[in-house]
């Protein structure tokens, strides 16, 4: 059934300039998603989802590659199936998030920016904790 969902989502545009624009946008979004793996305030899955949307309308080959990629295809699969994030993934995300935020707070001189960063980190931490925990891949 999952493959049927993926196939029904693919609607390749017949206009070449639209396909090329969407392929370019999808590739940029994949790049930003990869950066999001390493940068604490940049989301990962959102950019992979947007890239998947672009690829679904421009290239079945790229769409399949994104969903079956060893490094980040699992993000899309787990999101799609509502499986959530593993405990180790949550811990990694929160540690990296707080490491980056604390470093930024230390080097920033503005109290307002420091408070804003702390509020963002708290909000993202709560969001990560609330996401269902995927126990099947641990």
C-alpha atoms as a PDB file:
ATOM      1  CA  UNK A   1       0.000   0.000   0.000  1.00  0.00           C
ATOM      2  CA  UNK A   2       2.850   2.400   0.722  1.00  0.00           C
ATOM      3  CA  UNK A   3       4.212   2.052  -2.809  1.00  0.00           C
ATOM      4  CA  UNK A   4       0.729   2.814  -4.165  1.00  0.00           C
ATOM      5  CA  UNK A   5       0.674   6.007  -2.082  1.00  0.00           C
ATOM      6  CA  UNK A   6       4.066   7.030  -3.430  1.00  0.00           C
ATOM      7  CA  UNK A   7       3.100   6.273  -7.026  1.00  0.00           C
ATOM      8  CA  UNK A   8      -0.199   8.171  -6.757  1.00  0.00           C
ATOM      9  CA  UNK A   9       1.685  11.216  -5.446  1.00  0.00           C
ATOM     10  CA  UNK A  10       3.825  11.449  -8.589  1.00  0.00           C
ATOM     11  CA  UNK A  11       2.357  13.830 -11.164  1.00  0.00           C
ATOM     12  CA  UNK A  12       5.141  14.831 -13.551  1.00  0.00           C
ATOM     13  CA  UNK A  13       4.615  18.152 -15.302  1.00  0.00           C
ATOM     14  CA  UNK A  14       4.545  18.042 -19.113  1.00  0.00           C
ATOM     15  CA  UNK A  15       6.150  21.476 -19.414  1.00  0.00           C
ATOM     16  CA  UNK A  16       9.968  21.209 -19.551  1.00  0.00           C
ATOM     17  CA  UNK A  17      10.675  24.596 -17.913  1.00  0.00           C
ATOM     18  CA  UNK A  18       8.402  23.684 -14.986  1.00  0.00           C
ATOM     19  CA  UNK A  19      10.129  20.302 -14.590  1.00  0.00           C
ATOM     20  CA  UNK A  20      13.615  21.840 -14.627  1.00  0.00           C
ATOM     21  CA  UNK A  21      12.610  24.577 -12.197  1.00  0.00           C
ATOM     22  CA  UNK A  22      11.100  22.031  -9.810  1.00  0.00           C
ATOM     23  CA  UNK A  23      14.127  19.732 -10.109  1.00  0.00           C
ATOM     24  CA  UNK A  24      16.417  22.661  -9.297  1.00  0.00           C
ATOM     25  CA  UNK A  25      14.230  23.724  -6.364  1.00  0.00           C
ATOM     26  CA  UNK A  26      14.079  20.140  -5.096  1.00  0.00           C
ATOM     27  CA  UNK A  27      17.849  19.829  -5.231  1.00  0.00           C
ATOM     28  CA  UNK A  28      18.300  23.113  -3.341  1.00  0.00           C
ATOM     29  CA  UNK A  29      15.786  21.934  -0.742  1.00  0.00           C
ATOM     30  CA  UNK A  30      17.649  18.627  -0.322  1.00  0.00           C
ATOM     31  CA  UNK A  31      20.832  20.641   0.246  1.00  0.00           C
ATOM     32  CA  UNK A  32      19.122  22.777   2.888  1.00  0.00           C
ATOM     33  CA  UNK A  33      17.694  19.624   4.475  1.00  0.00           C
ATOM     34  CA  UNK A  34      21.176  18.139   4.690  1.00  0.00           C
ATOM     35  CA  UNK A  35      22.400  21.342   6.340  1.00  0.00           C
ATOM     36  CA  UNK A  36      19.502  20.976   8.771  1.00  0.00           C
ATOM     37  CA  UNK A  37      20.986  17.689   9.952  1.00  0.00           C
ATOM     38  CA  UNK A  38      23.978  19.643  11.275  1.00  0.00           C
ATOM     39  CA  UNK A  39      22.524  23.072  12.117  1.00  0.00           C
ATOM     40  CA  UNK A  40      20.315  23.056  15.211  1.00  0.00           C
ATOM     41  CA  UNK A  41      17.708  25.660  14.239  1.00  0.00           C
ATOM     42  CA  UNK A  42      17.235  24.462  10.672  1.00  0.00           C
ATOM     43  CA  UNK A  43      14.594  21.738  10.320  1.00  0.00           C
ATOM     44  CA  UNK A  44      15.435  18.676   8.266  1.00  0.00           C
ATOM     45  CA  UNK A  45      12.255  16.779   7.494  1.00  0.00           C
ATOM     46  CA  UNK A  46      10.365  19.877   6.310  1.00  0.00           C
ATOM     47  CA  UNK A  47      12.898  20.530   3.568  1.00  0.00           C
ATOM     48  CA  UNK A  48      12.968  16.868   2.541  1.00  0.00           C
ATOM     49  CA  UNK A  49       9.155  16.925   2.332  1.00  0.00           C
ATOM     50  CA  UNK A  50       9.235  20.033   0.141  1.00  0.00           C
ATOM     51  CA  UNK A  51      11.942  18.438  -2.036  1.00  0.00           C
ATOM     52  CA  UNK A  52       9.800  15.304  -2.360  1.00  0.00           C
ATOM     53  CA  UNK A  53       6.885  17.474  -3.525  1.00  0.00           C
ATOM     54  CA  UNK A  54       9.098  19.150  -6.142  1.00  0.00           C
ATOM     55  CA  UNK A  55      10.535  15.836  -7.321  1.00  0.00           C
ATOM     56  CA  UNK A  56       7.057  14.262  -7.471  1.00  0.00           C
ATOM     57  CA  UNK A  57       6.188  16.863 -10.111  1.00  0.00           C
ATOM     58  CA  UNK A  58       9.487  16.845 -11.992  1.00  0.00           C
ATOM     59  CA  UNK A  59      11.367  13.539 -11.850  1.00  0.00           C
ATOM     60  CA  UNK A  60      10.331  10.046 -10.779  1.00  0.00           C
ATOM     61  CA  UNK A  61      14.022   9.100 -10.670  1.00  0.00           C
ATOM     62  CA  UNK A  62      14.893  11.852  -8.149  1.00  0.00           C
ATOM     63  CA  UNK A  63      11.693  11.191  -6.194  1.00  0.00           C
ATOM     64  CA  UNK A  64      12.570   7.507  -5.850  1.00  0.00           C
ATOM     65  CA  UNK A  65      16.175   8.375  -4.952  1.00  0.00           C
ATOM     66  CA  UNK A  66      15.020  10.714  -2.173  1.00  0.00           C
ATOM     67  CA  UNK A  67      12.613   8.180  -0.658  1.00  0.00           C
ATOM     68  CA  UNK A  68      15.076   5.283  -0.850  1.00  0.00           C
ATOM     69  CA  UNK A  69      18.236   7.152   0.175  1.00  0.00           C
ATOM     70  CA  UNK A  70      20.101   5.373   2.992  1.00  0.00           C
ATOM     71  CA  UNK A  71      20.996   8.586   4.816  1.00  0.00           C
ATOM     72  CA  UNK A  72      17.700  10.475   4.886  1.00  0.00           C
ATOM     73  CA  UNK A  73      15.023   8.391   3.179  1.00  0.00           C
ATOM     74  CA  UNK A  74      14.119   7.133   6.646  1.00  0.00           C
ATOM     75  CA  UNK A  75      13.066  10.657   7.688  1.00  0.00           C
ATOM     76  CA  UNK A  76      10.432  10.697   4.960  1.00  0.00           C
ATOM     77  CA  UNK A  77       9.324   7.126   5.606  1.00  0.00           C
ATOM     78  CA  UNK A  78       8.934   7.605   9.352  1.00  0.00           C
ATOM     79  CA  UNK A  79       7.128  10.915   8.881  1.00  0.00           C
ATOM     80  CA  UNK A  80       4.799   9.446   6.262  1.00  0.00           C
ATOM     81  CA  UNK A  81       3.932   6.473   8.421  1.00  0.00           C
ATOM     82  CA  UNK A  82       3.587   8.508  11.644  1.00  0.00           C
ATOM     83  CA  UNK A  83       6.305   6.464  13.337  1.00  0.00           C
ATOM     84  CA  UNK A  84       8.108   9.399  14.931  1.00  0.00           C
ATOM     85  CA  UNK A  85      11.759   9.623  15.965  1.00  0.00           C
ATOM     86  CA  UNK A  86      13.913   7.085  17.795  1.00  0.00           C
ATOM     87  CA  UNK A  87      14.999   7.832  21.366  1.00  0.00           C
ATOM     88  CA  UNK A  88      18.616   8.087  20.254  1.00  0.00           C
ATOM     89  CA  UNK A  89      17.560  10.462  17.484  1.00  0.00           C
ATOM     90  CA  UNK A  90      15.688  12.661  19.938  1.00  0.00           C
ATOM     91  CA  UNK A  91      18.684  12.728  22.278  1.00  0.00           C
ATOM     92  CA  UNK A  92      21.048  13.600  19.407  1.00  0.00           C
ATOM     93  CA  UNK A  93      18.762  16.356  18.147  1.00  0.00           C
ATOM     94  CA  UNK A  94      18.345  17.898  21.596  1.00  0.00           C
ATOM     95  CA  UNK A  95      22.077  17.721  22.433  1.00  0.00           C
ATOM     96  CA  UNK A  96      23.051  19.311  19.101  1.00  0.00           C
ATOM     97  CA  UNK A  97      20.279  21.895  19.431  1.00  0.00           C
ATOM     98  CA  UNK A  98      21.313  22.967  22.922  1.00  0.00           C
ATOM     99  CA  UNK A  99      25.024  22.883  22.071  1.00  0.00           C
ATOM    100  CA  UNK A 100      24.475  25.277  19.173  1.00  0.00           C
ATOM    101  CA  UNK A 101      22.060  27.466  21.109  1.00  0.00           C
ATOM    102  CA  UNK A 102      24.307  27.736  24.167  1.00  0.00           C
ATOM    103  CA  UNK A 103      27.284  28.600  21.980  1.00  0.00           C
ATOM    104  CA  UNK A 104      25.206  31.280  20.234  1.00  0.00           C
ATOM    105  CA  UNK A 105      23.993  32.668  23.562  1.00  0.00           C
ATOM    106  CA  UNK A 106      27.577  32.896  24.839  1.00  0.00           C
ATOM    107  CA  UNK A 107      28.908  34.734  21.772  1.00  0.00           C
ATOM    108  CA  UNK A 108      25.885  37.027  21.406  1.00  0.00           C
ATOM    109  CA  UNK A 109      25.966  40.301  23.315  1.00  0.00           C
ATOM    110  CA  UNK A 110      22.281  41.187  22.977  1.00  0.00           C
ATOM    111  CA  UNK A 111      20.090  40.098  25.888  1.00  0.00           C
ATOM    112  CA  UNK A 112      17.018  40.120  23.630  1.00  0.00           C
ATOM    113  CA  UNK A 113      18.691  37.766  21.140  1.00  0.00           C
ATOM    114  CA  UNK A 114      19.873  35.518  23.986  1.00  0.00           C
ATOM    115  CA  UNK A 115      16.338  35.302  25.378  1.00  0.00           C
ATOM    116  CA  UNK A 116      14.891  34.678  21.930  1.00  0.00           C
ATOM    117  CA  UNK A 117      17.382  31.862  21.328  1.00  0.00           C
ATOM    118  CA  UNK A 118      16.514  30.307  24.698  1.00  0.00           C
ATOM    119  CA  UNK A 119      12.774  30.484  23.942  1.00  0.00           C
ATOM    120  CA  UNK A 120      13.310  28.919  20.507  1.00  0.00           C
ATOM    121  CA  UNK A 121      15.417  26.117  22.026  1.00  0.00           C
ATOM    122  CA  UNK A 122      12.776  25.426  24.666  1.00  0.00           C
ATOM    123  CA  UNK A 123      10.028  25.380  22.021  1.00  0.00           C
ATOM    124  CA  UNK A 124      11.954  23.056  19.708  1.00  0.00           C
ATOM    125  CA  UNK A 125      12.847  20.785  22.637  1.00  0.00           C
ATOM    126  CA  UNK A 126       9.187  20.518  23.629  1.00  0.00           C
ATOM    127  CA  UNK A 127       8.261  19.800  20.011  1.00  0.00           C
ATOM    128  CA  UNK A 128      10.876  17.029  19.735  1.00  0.00           C
ATOM    129  CA  UNK A 129       9.801  15.450  23.037  1.00  0.00           C
ATOM    130  CA  UNK A 130       6.127  15.475  21.989  1.00  0.00           C
ATOM    131  CA  UNK A 131       6.799  13.732  18.646  1.00  0.00           C
ATOM    132  CA  UNK A 132       6.000  10.018  18.994  1.00  0.00           C
ATOM    133  CA  UNK A 133       8.986   7.831  19.847  1.00  0.00           C
ATOM    134  CA  UNK A 134       9.788   5.218  17.207  1.00  0.00           C
ATOM    135  CA  UNK A 135      10.593   2.037  19.114  1.00  0.00           C
ATOM    136  CA  UNK A 136      10.693  -0.314  16.125  1.00  0.00           C
ATOM    137  CA  UNK A 137      14.139   0.721  14.855  1.00  0.00           C
ATOM    138  CA  UNK A 138      16.021   0.783  18.157  1.00  0.00           C
END
